[in-house]
Structure formats: C-alpha cells, structure tokens
Amino acid sequence: MLEPTNFHVLTGLSAGEISRFEELATKKIVKQGQIFISQDQKLNGVYFILSGRCVIYTTESDGKEFVYAELEKGELVGELSVFDRQKSAASVRALENINCWFLETENFLKFFQSCSRFAQNIVLMLVTRLRKADDVIDKLAFLNVEQRIIAFFKERGVLKSGALTVSPVPTSAELSRYVGASREMCGRVIRDLQSSGRLIQSKDVFTLTVKD
C-alpha cells in the first residue's frame, strides 16, 4: 500500500481512502530530460511524484527560460489546470528519471470531492505554493541581481559555521533561469563575489561567506 508519508496531500487519510486512491491512479515513469508537460498544453490529469525531480519553467519568445521551481518526491504537478480546465502556464521537464502516480482529471476531481481530508491538504499545498510565488515576485521586484543570486544560494545551500555550501555548482545559464537575469550579468556577479573573497569554488562546490 502507498505510504501517506510519501505525500503531504495524503496525510491523515484512512487505509480505505489510500486504497481508493491507488485504484484510481496509474503508475508512470518519466525519463530524464523528457518534457512531460508543455507550456500551453491542455492537460488530462495530475502527476504525483514518487521519486525523482522535475523543473517548472516558461520559455520566452527569444528562447530564454525562466525557472519557477523544482519539484521532487511528494509533490504534485498539473493540479491547477485540472481545476480551472485551462492550458498549462508552464512546461515541466524531468531532471532525472521520475516514478509517479497519475490521476486522470475526472478521477482526481472525484477523489477531491469525496475525500474532505485530501481536499484540505490540496488547499494547504496551494496556499504554501502561493506564498512561495509571492516571495519570488518580491525578489524580482526589490532585489538586485547579486541579492537574488545570494538568495538562490541560501535556498539551495547548507549553512555551516557562517558559510553556505552549494553543490553541484550551477552554471551561469542555470542561474540566469532562476534569478531572471542575463547569463552575462550572472557571470559578472559570480566573478565579483569571487574577487571579493566571499565566494570560493572548490571542484564542484561553491562556498559563500554569509554576512550578518
């Protein structure tokens, strides 16, 4: 039986409700690099990630990508389009092989309507994501590029003895997609941080000194 601890949205469900979920869902495997949801695509269900990671991003008219989030084990993908029946606002690409449960639209809505605890968990998850989206908007609006990159390191890094370590080292292209700035600008900021001694690269690890 599926363990509720694998998904926050299944927390508090009874054994019978978990069994019902498994009856409605089908297992899928998404290969690394596969774009399994495309921007402006009409979706027919929701993916529940059992293992692996994926990235949510949009592609601008000039070909540049902007990354909104990375999702991993325990996360859902595609639920918004299932609720409002609109096309997907972003694309989703597997960063590594993904094992997942897939609920077709009607099955997802059926379970949502019949299981109040599941519905409450979904609403809580959406509220949490909305707050994170607000944080991203604030960063883009009020932080300069250096501050955005440092914020990215704080989100991704491990803090120890006043320093953040980030591994693997993100490229300028990856930073560009995450912070909403050009590759050239990101590269320049990284070089400036290294010149000042705040950022040190050792093999595939970045170490950033954190100011008080």
Protein backbone atom coordinates (compact mmCIF):
# COMPACT_ATOMS: atom_id res chain seq x y z
CA MET A 1 0.00 0.00 0.00
CA LEU A 2 1.14 3.55 -0.71
CA GLU A 3 2.63 5.19 2.39
CA PRO A 4 0.90 8.51 3.26
CA THR A 5 4.27 9.88 4.39
CA ASN A 6 5.31 9.95 0.71
CA PHE A 7 2.82 12.75 0.05
CA HIS A 8 1.71 15.57 2.33
CA VAL A 9 -1.60 15.62 0.46
CA LEU A 10 -2.31 12.06 1.66
CA THR A 11 -1.58 12.82 5.32
CA GLY A 12 -4.47 11.86 7.58
CA LEU A 13 -6.24 9.64 5.05
CA SER A 14 -7.60 6.29 6.20
CA ALA A 15 -6.34 2.98 4.84
CA GLY A 16 -9.56 2.69 2.83
CA GLU A 17 -9.08 6.13 1.30
CA ILE A 18 -5.48 5.31 0.38
CA SER A 19 -6.65 2.11 -1.30
CA ARG A 20 -9.27 4.06 -3.21
CA PHE A 21 -6.58 6.50 -4.37
CA GLU A 22 -4.44 3.63 -5.65
CA GLU A 23 -7.42 2.16 -7.51
CA LEU A 24 -7.98 5.43 -9.34
CA ALA A 25 -4.31 6.08 -10.14
CA THR A 26 -1.90 4.53 -12.62
CA LYS A 27 1.88 4.33 -12.30
CA LYS A 28 4.08 6.07 -14.84
CA ILE A 29 7.78 6.52 -15.49
CA VAL A 30 9.09 9.78 -16.94
CA LYS A 31 12.59 9.60 -18.42
CA GLN A 32 15.30 12.13 -17.55
CA GLY A 33 15.17 15.10 -19.92
CA GLN A 34 11.60 14.40 -21.03
CA ILE A 35 9.24 17.38 -21.19
CA PHE A 36 6.07 15.74 -19.92
CA ILE A 37 4.03 18.94 -19.68
CA SER A 38 4.39 21.66 -22.30
CA GLN A 39 3.52 25.32 -21.98
CA ASP A 40 0.02 25.96 -23.41
CA GLN A 41 -0.77 22.24 -23.37
CA LYS A 42 -4.23 21.06 -22.33
CA LEU A 43 -3.72 18.57 -19.51
CA ASN A 44 -5.70 15.45 -18.76
CA GLY A 45 -4.54 14.69 -15.23
CA VAL A 46 -2.24 15.21 -12.26
CA TYR A 47 1.20 13.69 -11.57
CA PHE A 48 2.15 12.64 -8.00
CA ILE A 49 5.94 12.31 -7.83
CA LEU A 50 7.16 9.17 -6.04
CA SER A 51 10.85 9.71 -6.80
CA GLY A 52 13.00 11.96 -8.96
CA ARG A 53 12.99 15.70 -9.65
CA CYS A 54 11.48 17.98 -12.26
CA VAL A 55 11.71 21.67 -13.10
CA ILE A 56 8.83 24.05 -13.88
CA TYR A 57 9.73 26.79 -16.35
CA THR A 58 8.47 29.06 -19.11
CA THR A 59 10.15 29.85 -22.41
CA GLU A 60 10.06 33.42 -23.69
CA SER A 61 9.74 34.45 -27.33
CA ASP A 62 13.52 34.94 -27.53
CA GLY A 63 14.11 31.39 -26.34
CA LYS A 64 15.18 32.29 -22.80
CA GLU A 65 13.89 30.13 -19.96
CA PHE A 66 12.72 31.31 -16.56
CA VAL A 67 12.56 28.68 -13.83
CA TYR A 68 9.77 28.93 -11.26
CA ALA A 69 10.51 25.90 -9.12
CA GLU A 70 11.99 22.44 -8.82
CA LEU A 71 9.69 19.71 -7.53
CA GLU A 72 10.65 16.37 -6.03
CA LYS A 73 9.27 13.39 -4.13
CA GLY A 74 5.90 14.12 -2.56
CA GLU A 75 4.98 16.99 -4.91
CA LEU A 76 2.13 17.32 -7.42
CA VAL A 77 2.25 18.62 -10.98
CA GLY A 78 -0.69 19.72 -13.13
CA GLU A 79 -3.36 20.26 -10.49
CA LEU A 80 -4.10 23.90 -11.40
CA SER A 81 -5.02 23.11 -14.98
CA VAL A 82 -7.23 20.27 -13.78
CA PHE A 83 -9.16 22.63 -11.51
CA ASP A 84 -9.69 25.51 -13.95
CA ARG A 85 -9.59 23.49 -17.21
CA GLN A 86 -7.09 25.98 -18.65
CA LYS A 87 -3.95 25.17 -20.63
CA SER A 88 -0.71 24.80 -18.70
CA ALA A 89 1.00 28.12 -18.00
CA ALA A 90 4.44 26.46 -17.87
CA SER A 91 6.45 23.49 -19.08
CA VAL A 92 7.73 20.68 -16.85
CA ARG A 93 10.92 18.73 -17.59
CA ALA A 94 12.32 15.73 -15.73
CA LEU A 95 15.76 16.47 -14.26
CA GLU A 96 16.17 12.76 -13.55
CA ASN A 97 14.06 9.65 -14.02
CA ILE A 98 10.71 10.11 -12.29
CA ASN A 99 8.41 7.45 -10.89
CA CYS A 100 4.92 8.79 -10.30
CA TRP A 101 1.25 8.13 -9.83
CA PHE A 102 -1.04 9.69 -12.43
CA LEU A 103 -4.69 10.54 -11.83
CA GLU A 104 -6.78 11.44 -14.85
CA THR A 105 -8.79 14.65 -14.48
CA GLU A 106 -12.14 13.05 -13.67
CA ASN A 107 -10.61 10.62 -11.18
CA PHE A 108 -8.70 13.41 -9.45
CA LEU A 109 -11.80 15.59 -9.14
CA LYS A 110 -13.87 12.61 -7.99
CA PHE A 111 -11.41 11.83 -5.20
CA PHE A 112 -11.08 15.53 -4.30
CA GLN A 113 -14.85 15.85 -3.90
CA SER A 114 -15.32 12.61 -1.97
CA CYS A 115 -12.38 12.88 0.47
CA SER A 116 -12.52 16.01 2.61
CA ARG A 117 -9.08 15.50 4.20
CA PHE A 118 -7.48 15.15 0.77
CA ALA A 119 -9.23 18.37 -0.33
CA GLN A 120 -7.97 20.21 2.77
CA ASN A 121 -4.42 19.02 2.12
CA ILE A 122 -4.59 20.16 -1.50
CA VAL A 123 -5.80 23.63 -0.46
CA LEU A 124 -2.97 23.90 2.11
CA MET A 125 -0.43 22.89 -0.52
CA LEU A 126 -1.74 25.53 -2.95
CA VAL A 127 -1.59 28.22 -0.26
CA THR A 128 2.02 27.27 0.50
CA ARG A 129 2.94 27.49 -3.18
CA LEU A 130 1.19 30.87 -3.47
CA ARG A 131 3.26 32.25 -0.61
CA LYS A 132 6.44 30.98 -2.27
CA ALA A 133 5.36 32.62 -5.52
CA ASP A 134 4.90 35.90 -3.64
CA ASP A 135 8.47 35.57 -2.37
CA VAL A 136 9.74 35.11 -5.94
CA ILE A 137 7.84 38.19 -7.10
CA ASP A 138 9.28 40.23 -4.23
CA LYS A 139 12.81 39.12 -5.11
CA LEU A 140 12.40 40.07 -8.76
CA ALA A 141 10.85 43.41 -7.86
CA PHE A 142 13.05 44.56 -4.99
CA LEU A 143 16.38 42.70 -5.11
CA ASN A 144 19.28 43.40 -7.43
CA VAL A 145 20.97 40.54 -9.28
CA GLU A 146 23.63 39.94 -6.62
CA GLN A 147 20.97 39.78 -3.90
CA ARG A 148 18.90 37.34 -5.99
CA ILE A 149 21.91 35.06 -6.52
CA ILE A 150 22.71 35.11 -2.79
CA ALA A 151 19.03 34.32 -2.08
CA PHE A 152 19.31 31.40 -4.52
CA PHE A 153 22.37 30.10 -2.64
CA LYS A 154 20.54 30.42 0.68
CA GLU A 155 17.64 28.35 -0.68
CA ARG A 156 19.90 25.67 -2.15
CA GLY A 157 22.87 25.68 0.18
CA VAL A 158 23.77 24.12 3.52
CA LEU A 159 24.71 26.65 6.23
CA LYS A 160 27.62 25.76 8.49
CA SER A 161 29.95 27.98 10.50
CA GLY A 162 28.82 31.16 8.78
CA ALA A 163 29.21 29.82 5.23
CA LEU A 164 26.85 28.33 2.66
CA THR A 165 27.97 25.38 0.56
CA VAL A 166 26.19 24.67 -2.72
CA SER A 167 26.78 21.54 -4.79
CA PRO A 168 26.76 20.93 -7.66
CA VAL A 169 27.93 24.33 -8.86
CA PRO A 170 25.23 25.97 -11.01
CA THR A 171 26.28 27.36 -14.38
CA SER A 172 25.63 30.96 -15.43
CA ALA A 173 22.84 29.64 -17.67
CA GLU A 174 21.18 27.86 -14.75
CA LEU A 175 21.48 30.92 -12.51
CA SER A 176 20.06 33.05 -15.30
CA ARG A 177 16.92 30.95 -15.45
CA TYR A 178 16.46 31.02 -11.69
CA VAL A 179 17.10 34.69 -10.94
CA GLY A 180 15.65 36.29 -14.07
CA ALA A 181 18.83 37.98 -15.33
CA SER A 182 21.12 37.52 -18.33
CA ARG A 183 23.91 34.93 -18.30
CA GLU A 184 26.45 37.71 -18.72
CA MET A 185 25.16 39.57 -15.68
CA CYS A 186 25.09 36.39 -13.56
CA GLY A 187 28.63 35.53 -14.63
CA ARG A 188 29.80 39.04 -13.78
CA VAL A 189 28.23 38.89 -10.31
CA ILE A 190 29.81 35.48 -9.63
CA ARG A 191 33.23 36.82 -10.65
CA ASP A 192 32.76 39.89 -8.44
CA LEU A 193 31.84 37.69 -5.45
CA GLN A 194 34.91 35.55 -6.10
CA SER A 195 37.17 38.61 -6.43
CA SER A 196 35.90 39.96 -3.12
CA GLY A 197 36.68 36.64 -1.44
CA ARG A 198 33.09 35.98 -0.43
CA LEU A 199 32.65 33.13 -2.91
CA ILE A 200 35.11 30.28 -3.29
CA GLN A 201 34.85 27.43 -5.80
CA SER A 202 36.47 24.10 -5.00
CA LYS A 203 35.88 21.36 -7.56
CA ASP A 204 32.09 21.16 -7.83
CA VAL A 205 31.28 23.11 -4.66
CA PHE A 206 30.58 26.81 -4.10
CA THR A 207 31.22 28.21 -0.61
CA LEU A 208 29.67 31.59 0.12
CA THR A 209 30.50 33.58 3.25
CA VAL A 210 27.28 34.87 4.77
CA LYS A 211 27.25 38.40 6.13
CA ASP A 212 25.33 39.17 9.29
